[in-house]
Amino acid sequence: MVESARIVVGVDGSEASLDAVRWAAFEAARRQASIELVTATSIVPHTPLEALDVLTDALGDRDAAADRILADAVGVVHEGAGPTRTHVDTRREHGSAAAVLTDTARRPEMIVVGARDRSEVADTLLGSVSTAVVTHSRYPVVVVKSDSDRDGPVVVGVDCTPNSQPAVALALEEASLRGVDLVAVHAWKDADRGSTLTRDLIVDWWEDEVAANVSLAEALAGLADDYPDVTIRRVVARDQPVREIARECERAQLVVMGSRGRGGMASLLLGSTSMAVLHAVDIPAIIVPTDR
């Protein structure tokens, strides 16, 4: 028997996490996938002498609260799934929420988190848990900022290196699933092309833009063949990548980015462009690990 796809959702009772649950419920119904709702509790004892009593009482209270949070989230799933009955599992763990979400025994299709958590600070768009999950996850992570349902294409950022290939592949899959177009954006800053003293003398910008279009077409060609139903619009711009991607996202329903950019290192650090895009857009964003 083939196991169905599974979407893992982090919940903490906040409106942000319930927005993530609503988005995941709709996606689970679309994909005929199951949902696993996960919450985590942690306690730091005050002193060694008080540790046992504090942990026993506090964890008991927090476990009861966590069970209520999970029960409420289950109700949200069934409301959002509509007439389709989505299978829902729940999991309550003790420990770091980010660690619990990223350390999963079974490979999920995606992990979904809200953009803010209960430790949010004023003017901070991403909470500590969601930031940690997108930074360290081995699986695609969706960051949901609201439960608003928007039409429009899927946008993907492409740097024309192998780093962005997993993101392109997933973006094509998402566009095909939704029956919408894919907008592939490749942009670069002036600083990427020579110094301010020499670039006007040694760089033919027209030829450079032609080369960028060719590189983008080549980056898409092999993967696009698997999705003949998806119309691709290529956008090449001599601009800040974040600004160009955010501009295209104003008319989109989803954006897909790789976890690392041109400067990707052998560490689990989220690329600066991807992190900036997460802060700049208000639509759901999928961050795809480079080694997916």
C-alpha atoms as a PDB file:
ATOM      1  CA  MET A   1       0.000   0.000   0.000  1.00  0.00           C
ATOM      2  CA  VAL A   2       1.429   3.392  -1.002  1.00  0.00           C
ATOM      3  CA  GLU A   3       1.675   5.837   1.894  1.00  0.00           C
ATOM      4  CA  SER A   4      -0.058   9.136   1.205  1.00  0.00           C
ATOM      5  CA  ALA A   5       1.809  12.411   1.219  1.00  0.00           C
ATOM      6  CA  ARG A   6       2.003  14.075   4.624  1.00  0.00           C
ATOM      7  CA  ILE A   7       2.066  17.760   5.566  1.00  0.00           C
ATOM      8  CA  VAL A   8       3.513  18.655   8.972  1.00  0.00           C
ATOM      9  CA  VAL A   9       2.202  21.823  10.626  1.00  0.00           C
ATOM     10  CA  GLY A  10       3.620  23.552  13.681  1.00  0.00           C
ATOM     11  CA  VAL A  11       0.924  24.870  16.036  1.00  0.00           C
ATOM     12  CA  ASP A  12       1.129  26.913  19.235  1.00  0.00           C
ATOM     13  CA  GLY A  13      -2.378  28.340  19.551  1.00  0.00           C
ATOM     14  CA  SER A  14      -1.479  31.711  18.020  1.00  0.00           C
ATOM     15  CA  GLU A  15      -3.399  33.227  15.129  1.00  0.00           C
ATOM     16  CA  ALA A  16      -0.259  32.895  13.009  1.00  0.00           C
ATOM     17  CA  SER A  17      -0.137  29.143  13.528  1.00  0.00           C
ATOM     18  CA  LEU A  18      -3.875  28.799  12.857  1.00  0.00           C
ATOM     19  CA  ASP A  19      -3.349  30.649   9.570  1.00  0.00           C
ATOM     20  CA  ALA A  20      -0.711  28.027   8.780  1.00  0.00           C
ATOM     21  CA  VAL A  21      -3.179  25.259   9.663  1.00  0.00           C
ATOM     22  CA  ARG A  22      -5.847  26.735   7.368  1.00  0.00           C
ATOM     23  CA  TRP A  23      -3.408  26.972   4.477  1.00  0.00           C
ATOM     24  CA  ALA A  24      -2.194  23.423   5.077  1.00  0.00           C
ATOM     25  CA  ALA A  25      -5.759  22.083   5.275  1.00  0.00           C
ATOM     26  CA  PHE A  26      -6.578  23.508   1.855  1.00  0.00           C
ATOM     27  CA  GLU A  27      -3.348  22.131   0.398  1.00  0.00           C
ATOM     28  CA  ALA A  28      -3.898  18.709   1.965  1.00  0.00           C
ATOM     29  CA  ALA A  29      -7.349  18.511   0.386  1.00  0.00           C
ATOM     30  CA  ARG A  30      -5.887  19.571  -2.969  1.00  0.00           C
ATOM     31  CA  ARG A  31      -3.163  16.921  -2.797  1.00  0.00           C
ATOM     32  CA  GLN A  32      -5.172  14.197  -1.027  1.00  0.00           C
ATOM     33  CA  ALA A  33      -2.519  14.314   1.681  1.00  0.00           C
ATOM     34  CA  SER A  34      -2.711  13.732   5.418  1.00  0.00           C
ATOM     35  CA  ILE A  35      -1.809  16.320   8.050  1.00  0.00           C
ATOM     36  CA  GLU A  36       0.279  15.944  11.182  1.00  0.00           C
ATOM     37  CA  LEU A  37      -0.219  18.738  13.714  1.00  0.00           C
ATOM     38  CA  VAL A  38       2.788  19.159  15.999  1.00  0.00           C
ATOM     39  CA  THR A  39       3.220  21.212  19.150  1.00  0.00           C
ATOM     40  CA  ALA A  40       6.046  21.317  21.661  1.00  0.00           C
ATOM     41  CA  THR A  41       6.343  22.421  25.293  1.00  0.00           C
ATOM     42  CA  SER A  42       9.454  23.206  27.286  1.00  0.00           C
ATOM     43  CA  ILE A  43      10.171  24.214  30.875  1.00  0.00           C
ATOM     44  CA  VAL A  44      13.324  25.566  32.507  1.00  0.00           C
ATOM     45  CA  PRO A  45      13.451  24.770  36.272  1.00  0.00           C
ATOM     46  CA  HIS A  46      14.085  27.710  38.591  1.00  0.00           C
ATOM     47  CA  THR A  47      16.573  26.044  40.982  1.00  0.00           C
ATOM     48  CA  PRO A  48      17.885  22.495  41.448  1.00  0.00           C
ATOM     49  CA  LEU A  49      15.787  22.032  44.605  1.00  0.00           C
ATOM     50  CA  GLU A  50      12.597  23.190  42.910  1.00  0.00           C
ATOM     51  CA  ALA A  51      13.274  21.449  39.603  1.00  0.00           C
ATOM     52  CA  LEU A  52      11.257  18.271  40.202  1.00  0.00           C
ATOM     53  CA  ASP A  53       8.128  20.008  41.531  1.00  0.00           C
ATOM     54  CA  VAL A  54       8.297  22.785  38.970  1.00  0.00           C
ATOM     55  CA  LEU A  55       8.726  20.402  36.070  1.00  0.00           C
ATOM     56  CA  THR A  56       6.001  18.051  37.255  1.00  0.00           C
ATOM     57  CA  ASP A  57       3.419  20.778  37.798  1.00  0.00           C
ATOM     58  CA  ALA A  58       4.352  23.001  34.898  1.00  0.00           C
ATOM     59  CA  LEU A  59       4.619  20.236  32.337  1.00  0.00           C
ATOM     60  CA  GLY A  60       1.276  18.847  33.455  1.00  0.00           C
ATOM     61  CA  ASP A  61      -0.339  22.236  32.950  1.00  0.00           C
ATOM     62  CA  ARG A  62       1.420  22.796  29.651  1.00  0.00           C
ATOM     63  CA  ASP A  63       0.539  19.335  28.375  1.00  0.00           C
ATOM     64  CA  ALA A  64      -3.129  20.006  29.063  1.00  0.00           C
ATOM     65  CA  ALA A  65      -2.857  23.360  27.272  1.00  0.00           C
ATOM     66  CA  ALA A  66      -1.049  21.711  24.365  1.00  0.00           C
ATOM     67  CA  ASP A  67      -3.809  19.124  24.035  1.00  0.00           C
ATOM     68  CA  ARG A  68      -6.381  21.920  23.821  1.00  0.00           C
ATOM     69  CA  ILE A  69      -4.290  23.693  21.177  1.00  0.00           C
ATOM     70  CA  LEU A  70      -4.084  20.502  19.117  1.00  0.00           C
ATOM     71  CA  ALA A  71      -7.826  19.869  19.456  1.00  0.00           C
ATOM     72  CA  ASP A  72      -8.606  23.391  18.240  1.00  0.00           C
ATOM     73  CA  ALA A  73      -6.217  22.951  15.301  1.00  0.00           C
ATOM     74  CA  VAL A  74      -7.884  19.668  14.333  1.00  0.00           C
ATOM     75  CA  GLY A  75     -11.180  21.535  14.150  1.00  0.00           C
ATOM     76  CA  VAL A  76      -9.615  24.167  11.901  1.00  0.00           C
ATOM     77  CA  VAL A  77      -8.318  21.450   9.561  1.00  0.00           C
ATOM     78  CA  HIS A  78     -11.753  19.913   9.144  1.00  0.00           C
ATOM     79  CA  GLU A  79     -13.308  23.331   8.543  1.00  0.00           C
ATOM     80  CA  GLY A  80     -10.698  24.227   5.934  1.00  0.00           C
ATOM     81  CA  ALA A  81     -10.763  20.904   4.133  1.00  0.00           C
ATOM     82  CA  GLY A  82     -14.432  21.387   3.201  1.00  0.00           C
ATOM     83  CA  PRO A  83     -16.290  18.269   2.054  1.00  0.00           C
ATOM     84  CA  THR A  84     -13.023  16.327   1.748  1.00  0.00           C
ATOM     85  CA  ARG A  85     -12.230  14.479   4.965  1.00  0.00           C
ATOM     86  CA  THR A  86      -8.525  14.922   5.620  1.00  0.00           C
ATOM     87  CA  HIS A  87      -6.776  12.424   7.857  1.00  0.00           C
ATOM     88  CA  VAL A  88      -5.216  14.234  10.814  1.00  0.00           C
ATOM     89  CA  ASP A  89      -2.601  13.024  13.291  1.00  0.00           C
ATOM     90  CA  THR A  90      -1.447  15.014  16.307  1.00  0.00           C
ATOM     91  CA  ARG A  91       1.876  14.961  18.122  1.00  0.00           C
ATOM     92  CA  ARG A  92       2.797  16.620  21.428  1.00  0.00           C
ATOM     93  CA  GLU A  93       6.476  16.709  22.351  1.00  0.00           C
ATOM     94  CA  HIS A  94       8.672  18.225  25.045  1.00  0.00           C
ATOM     95  CA  GLY A  95      11.564  20.353  23.856  1.00  0.00           C
ATOM     96  CA  SER A  96      12.426  22.989  21.300  1.00  0.00           C
ATOM     97  CA  ALA A  97       9.595  23.527  18.824  1.00  0.00           C
ATOM     98  CA  ALA A  98      12.014  24.048  15.921  1.00  0.00           C
ATOM     99  CA  ALA A  99      13.968  20.904  16.786  1.00  0.00           C
ATOM    100  CA  VAL A 100      10.777  18.843  17.077  1.00  0.00           C
ATOM    101  CA  LEU A 101       9.469  20.070  13.717  1.00  0.00           C
ATOM    102  CA  THR A 102      12.695  19.441  11.820  1.00  0.00           C
ATOM    103  CA  ASP A 103      13.458  16.079  13.429  1.00  0.00           C
ATOM    104  CA  THR A 104      10.741  13.938  11.916  1.00  0.00           C
ATOM    105  CA  ALA A 105      10.959  10.173  11.485  1.00  0.00           C
ATOM    106  CA  ARG A 106       8.967  10.102   8.251  1.00  0.00           C
ATOM    107  CA  ARG A 107       9.758  12.332   5.283  1.00  0.00           C
ATOM    108  CA  PRO A 108       7.028  14.985   4.962  1.00  0.00           C
ATOM    109  CA  GLU A 109       6.016  16.594   1.710  1.00  0.00           C
ATOM    110  CA  MET A 110       6.426  19.925   3.469  1.00  0.00           C
ATOM    111  CA  ILE A 111       6.566  21.570   6.885  1.00  0.00           C
ATOM    112  CA  VAL A 112       4.220  24.524   7.376  1.00  0.00           C
ATOM    113  CA  VAL A 113       4.748  27.256   9.975  1.00  0.00           C
ATOM    114  CA  GLY A 114       3.233  30.632  10.740  1.00  0.00           C
ATOM    115  CA  ALA A 115       5.314  33.744  10.222  1.00  0.00           C
ATOM    116  CA  ARG A 116       5.285  34.707  13.888  1.00  0.00           C
ATOM    117  CA  ASP A 117       5.369  32.810  17.144  1.00  0.00           C
ATOM    118  CA  ARG A 118       4.535  33.724  20.731  1.00  0.00           C
ATOM    119  CA  SER A 119       7.990  35.220  21.292  1.00  0.00           C
ATOM    120  CA  GLU A 120       7.539  37.760  18.519  1.00  0.00           C
ATOM    121  CA  VAL A 121       9.148  41.158  18.933  1.00  0.00           C
ATOM    122  CA  ALA A 122       7.678  44.368  17.522  1.00  0.00           C
ATOM    123  CA  ASP A 123       8.745  44.979  13.917  1.00  0.00           C
ATOM    124  CA  THR A 124      10.019  41.395  13.540  1.00  0.00           C
ATOM    125  CA  LEU A 125       8.276  39.668  10.652  1.00  0.00           C
ATOM    126  CA  LEU A 126       9.499  36.155  11.316  1.00  0.00           C
ATOM    127  CA  GLY A 127       9.318  34.521  14.724  1.00  0.00           C
ATOM    128  CA  SER A 128      12.235  32.622  16.226  1.00  0.00           C
ATOM    129  CA  VAL A 129      10.655  29.209  15.614  1.00  0.00           C
ATOM    130  CA  SER A 130       9.798  29.798  11.950  1.00  0.00           C
ATOM    131  CA  THR A 131      13.251  31.267  11.306  1.00  0.00           C
ATOM    132  CA  ALA A 132      14.955  28.261  12.911  1.00  0.00           C
ATOM    133  CA  VAL A 133      12.806  25.801  10.962  1.00  0.00           C
ATOM    134  CA  VAL A 134      13.484  27.333   7.540  1.00  0.00           C
ATOM    135  CA  THR A 135      17.180  27.600   8.404  1.00  0.00           C
ATOM    136  CA  HIS A 136      17.720  23.993   9.435  1.00  0.00           C
ATOM    137  CA  SER A 137      15.053  21.859   7.759  1.00  0.00           C
ATOM    138  CA  ARG A 138      16.013  19.106   5.330  1.00  0.00           C
ATOM    139  CA  TYR A 139      12.559  19.357   3.756  1.00  0.00           C
ATOM    140  CA  PRO A 140      10.617  22.147   2.017  1.00  0.00           C
ATOM    141  CA  VAL A 141       9.235  24.651   4.525  1.00  0.00           C
ATOM    142  CA  VAL A 142       6.222  26.875   3.879  1.00  0.00           C
ATOM    143  CA  VAL A 143       6.013  30.150   5.796  1.00  0.00           C
ATOM    144  CA  VAL A 144       2.433  31.462   5.906  1.00  0.00           C
ATOM    145  CA  LYS A 145       1.818  35.081   6.889  1.00  0.00           C
ATOM    146  CA  SER A 146      -1.957  35.066   6.558  1.00  0.00           C
ATOM    147  CA  ASP A 147      -4.784  32.786   5.526  1.00  0.00           C
ATOM    148  CA  SER A 148      -5.809  35.017   2.633  1.00  0.00           C
ATOM    149  CA  ASP A 149      -6.599  33.120  -0.546  1.00  0.00           C
ATOM    150  CA  ARG A 150      -5.128  34.791  -3.617  1.00  0.00           C
ATOM    151  CA  ASP A 151      -5.166  33.860  -7.282  1.00  0.00           C
ATOM    152  CA  GLY A 152      -2.204  34.377  -9.558  1.00  0.00           C
ATOM    153  CA  PRO A 153       0.916  32.585 -10.740  1.00  0.00           C
ATOM    154  CA  VAL A 154       3.685  30.880  -8.820  1.00  0.00           C
ATOM    155  CA  VAL A 155       6.955  32.836  -8.645  1.00  0.00           C
ATOM    156  CA  VAL A 156      10.382  31.230  -8.363  1.00  0.00           C
ATOM    157  CA  GLY A 157      13.762  32.868  -7.869  1.00  0.00           C
ATOM    158  CA  VAL A 158      16.441  31.436 -10.168  1.00  0.00           C
ATOM    159  CA  ASP A 159      20.170  32.170  -9.847  1.00  0.00           C
ATOM    160  CA  CYS A 160      21.073  29.927 -12.831  1.00  0.00           C
ATOM    161  CA  THR A 161      23.285  27.666 -10.696  1.00  0.00           C
ATOM    162  CA  PRO A 162      22.608  24.110  -9.480  1.00  0.00           C
ATOM    163  CA  ASN A 163      21.586  25.646  -6.128  1.00  0.00           C
ATOM    164  CA  SER A 164      18.243  26.792  -7.500  1.00  0.00           C
ATOM    165  CA  GLN A 165      17.355  23.616  -9.408  1.00  0.00           C
ATOM    166  CA  PRO A 166      15.391  21.965  -6.549  1.00  0.00           C
ATOM    167  CA  ALA A 167      13.382  25.181  -6.102  1.00  0.00           C
ATOM    168  CA  VAL A 168      12.630  25.360  -9.840  1.00  0.00           C
ATOM    169  CA  ALA A 169      11.492  21.736  -9.865  1.00  0.00           C
ATOM    170  CA  LEU A 170       9.161  22.259  -6.907  1.00  0.00           C
ATOM    171  CA  ALA A 171       7.830  25.533  -8.336  1.00  0.00           C
ATOM    172  CA  LEU A 172       6.923  23.793 -11.591  1.00  0.00           C
ATOM    173  CA  GLU A 173       5.174  21.064  -9.613  1.00  0.00           C
ATOM    174  CA  GLU A 174       3.224  23.647  -7.595  1.00  0.00           C
ATOM    175  CA  ALA A 175       2.217  25.612 -10.705  1.00  0.00           C
ATOM    176  CA  SER A 176       1.025  22.416 -12.406  1.00  0.00           C
ATOM    177  CA  LEU A 177      -0.933  21.378  -9.304  1.00  0.00           C
ATOM    178  CA  ARG A 178      -2.673  24.753  -9.199  1.00  0.00           C
ATOM    179  CA  GLY A 179      -3.177  25.069 -12.968  1.00  0.00           C
ATOM    180  CA  VAL A 180      -1.413  28.438 -13.117  1.00  0.00           C
ATOM    181  CA  ASP A 181       1.590  30.003 -14.840  1.00  0.00           C
ATOM    182  CA  LEU A 182       5.116  30.049 -13.460  1.00  0.00           C
ATOM    183  CA  VAL A 183       7.100  33.298 -13.314  1.00  0.00           C
ATOM    184  CA  ALA A 184      10.844  32.571 -13.220  1.00  0.00           C
ATOM    185  CA  VAL A 185      12.845  35.574 -11.996  1.00  0.00           C
ATOM    186  CA  HIS A 186      16.565  36.029 -12.537  1.00  0.00           C
ATOM    187  CA  ALA A 187      18.030  39.326 -11.357  1.00  0.00           C
ATOM    188  CA  TRP A 188      21.451  40.629 -10.431  1.00  0.00           C
ATOM    189  CA  LYS A 189      22.869  43.704  -8.803  1.00  0.00           C
ATOM    190  CA  ASP A 190      25.287  46.116 -10.498  1.00  0.00           C
ATOM    191  CA  ALA A 191      27.906  45.057  -7.985  1.00  0.00           C
ATOM    192  CA  ASP A 192      27.866  41.588  -9.477  1.00  0.00           C
ATOM    193  CA  ARG A 193      29.324  42.926 -12.730  1.00  0.00           C
ATOM    194  CA  GLY A 194      32.747  44.521 -12.328  1.00  0.00           C
ATOM    195  CA  SER A 195      33.786  47.553 -10.310  1.00  0.00           C
ATOM    196  CA  THR A 196      32.197  50.968 -10.525  1.00  0.00           C
ATOM    197  CA  LEU A 197      35.377  52.282 -12.178  1.00  0.00           C
ATOM    198  CA  THR A 198      35.675  49.707 -14.928  1.00  0.00           C
ATOM    199  CA  ARG A 199      32.289  48.164 -15.654  1.00  0.00           C
ATOM    200  CA  ASP A 200      31.188  50.809 -18.178  1.00  0.00           C
ATOM    201  CA  LEU A 201      34.375  50.212 -20.136  1.00  0.00           C
ATOM    202  CA  ILE A 202      34.545  46.416 -20.143  1.00  0.00           C
ATOM    203  CA  VAL A 203      30.953  45.265 -19.982  1.00  0.00           C
ATOM    204  CA  ASP A 204      28.514  45.428 -22.805  1.00  0.00           C
ATOM    205  CA  TRP A 205      25.259  45.467 -20.840  1.00  0.00           C
ATOM    206  CA  TRP A 206      23.142  44.485 -23.803  1.00  0.00           C
ATOM    207  CA  GLU A 207      25.211  41.373 -24.396  1.00  0.00           C
ATOM    208  CA  ASP A 208      25.161  40.654 -20.682  1.00  0.00           C
ATOM    209  CA  GLU A 209      21.370  40.741 -20.599  1.00  0.00           C
ATOM    210  CA  VAL A 210      21.162  38.459 -23.611  1.00  0.00           C
ATOM    211  CA  ALA A 211      23.504  36.040 -21.845  1.00  0.00           C
ATOM    212  CA  ALA A 212      21.326  36.184 -18.725  1.00  0.00           C
ATOM    213  CA  ASN A 213      18.237  35.309 -20.775  1.00  0.00           C
ATOM    214  CA  VAL A 214      20.062  32.361 -22.312  1.00  0.00           C
ATOM    215  CA  SER A 215      21.236  31.176 -18.884  1.00  0.00           C
ATOM    216  CA  LEU A 216      17.724  31.370 -17.488  1.00  0.00           C
ATOM    217  CA  ALA A 217      16.263  29.478 -20.435  1.00  0.00           C
ATOM    218  CA  GLU A 218      18.881  26.768 -20.004  1.00  0.00           C
ATOM    219  CA  ALA A 219      18.232  26.541 -16.267  1.00  0.00           C
ATOM    220  CA  LEU A 220      14.533  25.912 -16.937  1.00  0.00           C
ATOM    221  CA  ALA A 221      14.714  23.777 -20.077  1.00  0.00           C
ATOM    222  CA  GLY A 222      15.281  20.275 -18.742  1.00  0.00           C
ATOM    223  CA  LEU A 223      12.894  20.600 -15.811  1.00  0.00           C
ATOM    224  CA  ALA A 224      10.159  22.337 -17.796  1.00  0.00           C
ATOM    225  CA  ASP A 225       9.929  19.387 -20.194  1.00  0.00           C
ATOM    226  CA  ASP A 226       8.247  17.398 -17.413  1.00  0.00           C
ATOM    227  CA  TYR A 227       5.467  19.989 -17.096  1.00  0.00           C
ATOM    228  CA  PRO A 228       4.175  20.786 -20.589  1.00  0.00           C
ATOM    229  CA  ASP A 229       0.957  22.109 -19.031  1.00  0.00           C
ATOM    230  CA  VAL A 230       2.768  24.988 -17.285  1.00  0.00           C
ATOM    231  CA  THR A 231       3.295  28.244 -19.155  1.00  0.00           C
ATOM    232  CA  ILE A 232       6.541  29.881 -18.041  1.00  0.00           C
ATOM    233  CA  ARG A 233       7.172  33.612 -18.139  1.00  0.00           C
ATOM    234  CA  ARG A 234      10.840  34.501 -17.824  1.00  0.00           C
ATOM    235  CA  VAL A 235      11.819  37.746 -16.099  1.00  0.00           C
ATOM    236  CA  VAL A 236      15.413  38.971 -16.377  1.00  0.00           C
ATOM    237  CA  ALA A 237      16.299  42.240 -14.651  1.00  0.00           C
ATOM    238  CA  ARG A 238      19.401  44.212 -13.721  1.00  0.00           C
ATOM    239  CA  ASP A 239      18.131  44.938 -10.225  1.00  0.00           C
ATOM    240  CA  GLN A 240      18.261  43.765  -6.636  1.00  0.00           C
ATOM    241  CA  PRO A 241      16.935  40.147  -6.731  1.00  0.00           C
ATOM    242  CA  VAL A 242      14.766  40.717  -3.661  1.00  0.00           C
ATOM    243  CA  ARG A 243      13.143  43.810  -5.130  1.00  0.00           C
ATOM    244  CA  GLU A 244      12.360  42.129  -8.458  1.00  0.00           C
ATOM    245  CA  ILE A 245      10.990  38.974  -6.846  1.00  0.00           C
ATOM    246  CA  ALA A 246       8.849  41.005  -4.432  1.00  0.00           C
ATOM    247  CA  ARG A 247       7.490  43.020  -7.363  1.00  0.00           C
ATOM    248  CA  GLU A 248       6.352  39.855  -9.141  1.00  0.00           C
ATOM    249  CA  CYS A 249       4.870  38.503  -5.896  1.00  0.00           C
ATOM    250  CA  GLU A 250       2.381  41.378  -5.770  1.00  0.00           C
ATOM    251  CA  ARG A 251       0.314  39.493  -8.362  1.00  0.00           C
ATOM    252  CA  ALA A 252       1.175  35.932  -7.274  1.00  0.00           C
ATOM    253  CA  GLN A 253      -0.240  33.334  -4.901  1.00  0.00           C
ATOM    254  CA  LEU A 254       3.000  31.567  -3.932  1.00  0.00           C
ATOM    255  CA  VAL A 255       6.757  32.143  -4.118  1.00  0.00           C
ATOM    256  CA  VAL A 256       9.438  29.442  -4.103  1.00  0.00           C
ATOM    257  CA  MET A 257      13.085  30.029  -3.179  1.00  0.00           C
ATOM    258  CA  GLY A 258      16.166  27.885  -2.650  1.00  0.00           C
ATOM    259  CA  SER A 259      17.716  27.676   0.793  1.00  0.00           C
ATOM    260  CA  ARG A 260      21.078  28.939  -0.385  1.00  0.00           C
ATOM    261  CA  GLY A 261      22.197  31.288  -3.155  1.00  0.00           C
ATOM    262  CA  ARG A 262      25.404  31.755  -5.114  1.00  0.00           C
ATOM    263  CA  GLY A 263      27.478  31.885  -1.971  1.00  0.00           C
ATOM    264  CA  GLY A 264      26.063  28.637  -0.566  1.00  0.00           C
ATOM    265  CA  MET A 265      28.410  26.940   1.902  1.00  0.00           C
ATOM    266  CA  ALA A 266      28.454  23.485   3.430  1.00  0.00           C
ATOM    267  CA  SER A 267      26.357  24.720   6.350  1.00  0.00           C
ATOM    268  CA  LEU A 268      22.657  24.909   7.002  1.00  0.00           C
ATOM    269  CA  LEU A 269      22.377  28.662   6.598  1.00  0.00           C
ATOM    270  CA  LEU A 270      19.505  30.272   4.784  1.00  0.00           C
ATOM    271  CA  GLY A 271      20.665  32.427   1.883  1.00  0.00           C
ATOM    272  CA  SER A 272      20.417  36.168   2.398  1.00  0.00           C
ATOM    273  CA  THR A 273      18.190  36.637  -0.651  1.00  0.00           C
ATOM    274  CA  SER A 274      15.732  33.972   0.485  1.00  0.00           C
ATOM    275  CA  MET A 275      15.545  35.420   3.981  1.00  0.00           C
ATOM    276  CA  ALA A 276      15.011  38.916   2.604  1.00  0.00           C
ATOM    277  CA  VAL A 277      12.216  37.651   0.339  1.00  0.00           C
ATOM    278  CA  LEU A 278      10.506  36.051   3.356  1.00  0.00           C
ATOM    279  CA  HIS A 279      10.465  39.451   5.031  1.00  0.00           C
ATOM    280  CA  ALA A 280       9.421  41.354   1.898  1.00  0.00           C
ATOM    281  CA  VAL A 281       6.398  39.373   0.661  1.00  0.00           C
ATOM    282  CA  ASP A 282       2.994  38.703   2.215  1.00  0.00           C
ATOM    283  CA  ILE A 283       2.111  35.537   0.295  1.00  0.00           C
ATOM    284  CA  PRO A 284       3.036  31.993   1.348  1.00  0.00           C
ATOM    285  CA  ALA A 285       6.684  31.245   0.624  1.00  0.00           C
ATOM    286  CA  ILE A 286       8.292  27.832   0.188  1.00  0.00           C
ATOM    287  CA  ILE A 287      11.973  27.476   1.028  1.00  0.00           C
ATOM    288  CA  VAL A 288      13.490  24.420  -0.650  1.00  0.00           C
ATOM    289  CA  PRO A 289      16.755  22.866   0.601  1.00  0.00           C
ATOM    290  CA  THR A 290      19.488  22.926  -2.011  1.00  0.00           C
ATOM    291  CA  ASP A 291      20.185  19.222  -1.595  1.00  0.00           C
ATOM    292  CA  ARG A 292      16.548  18.131  -1.818  1.00  0.00           C
END
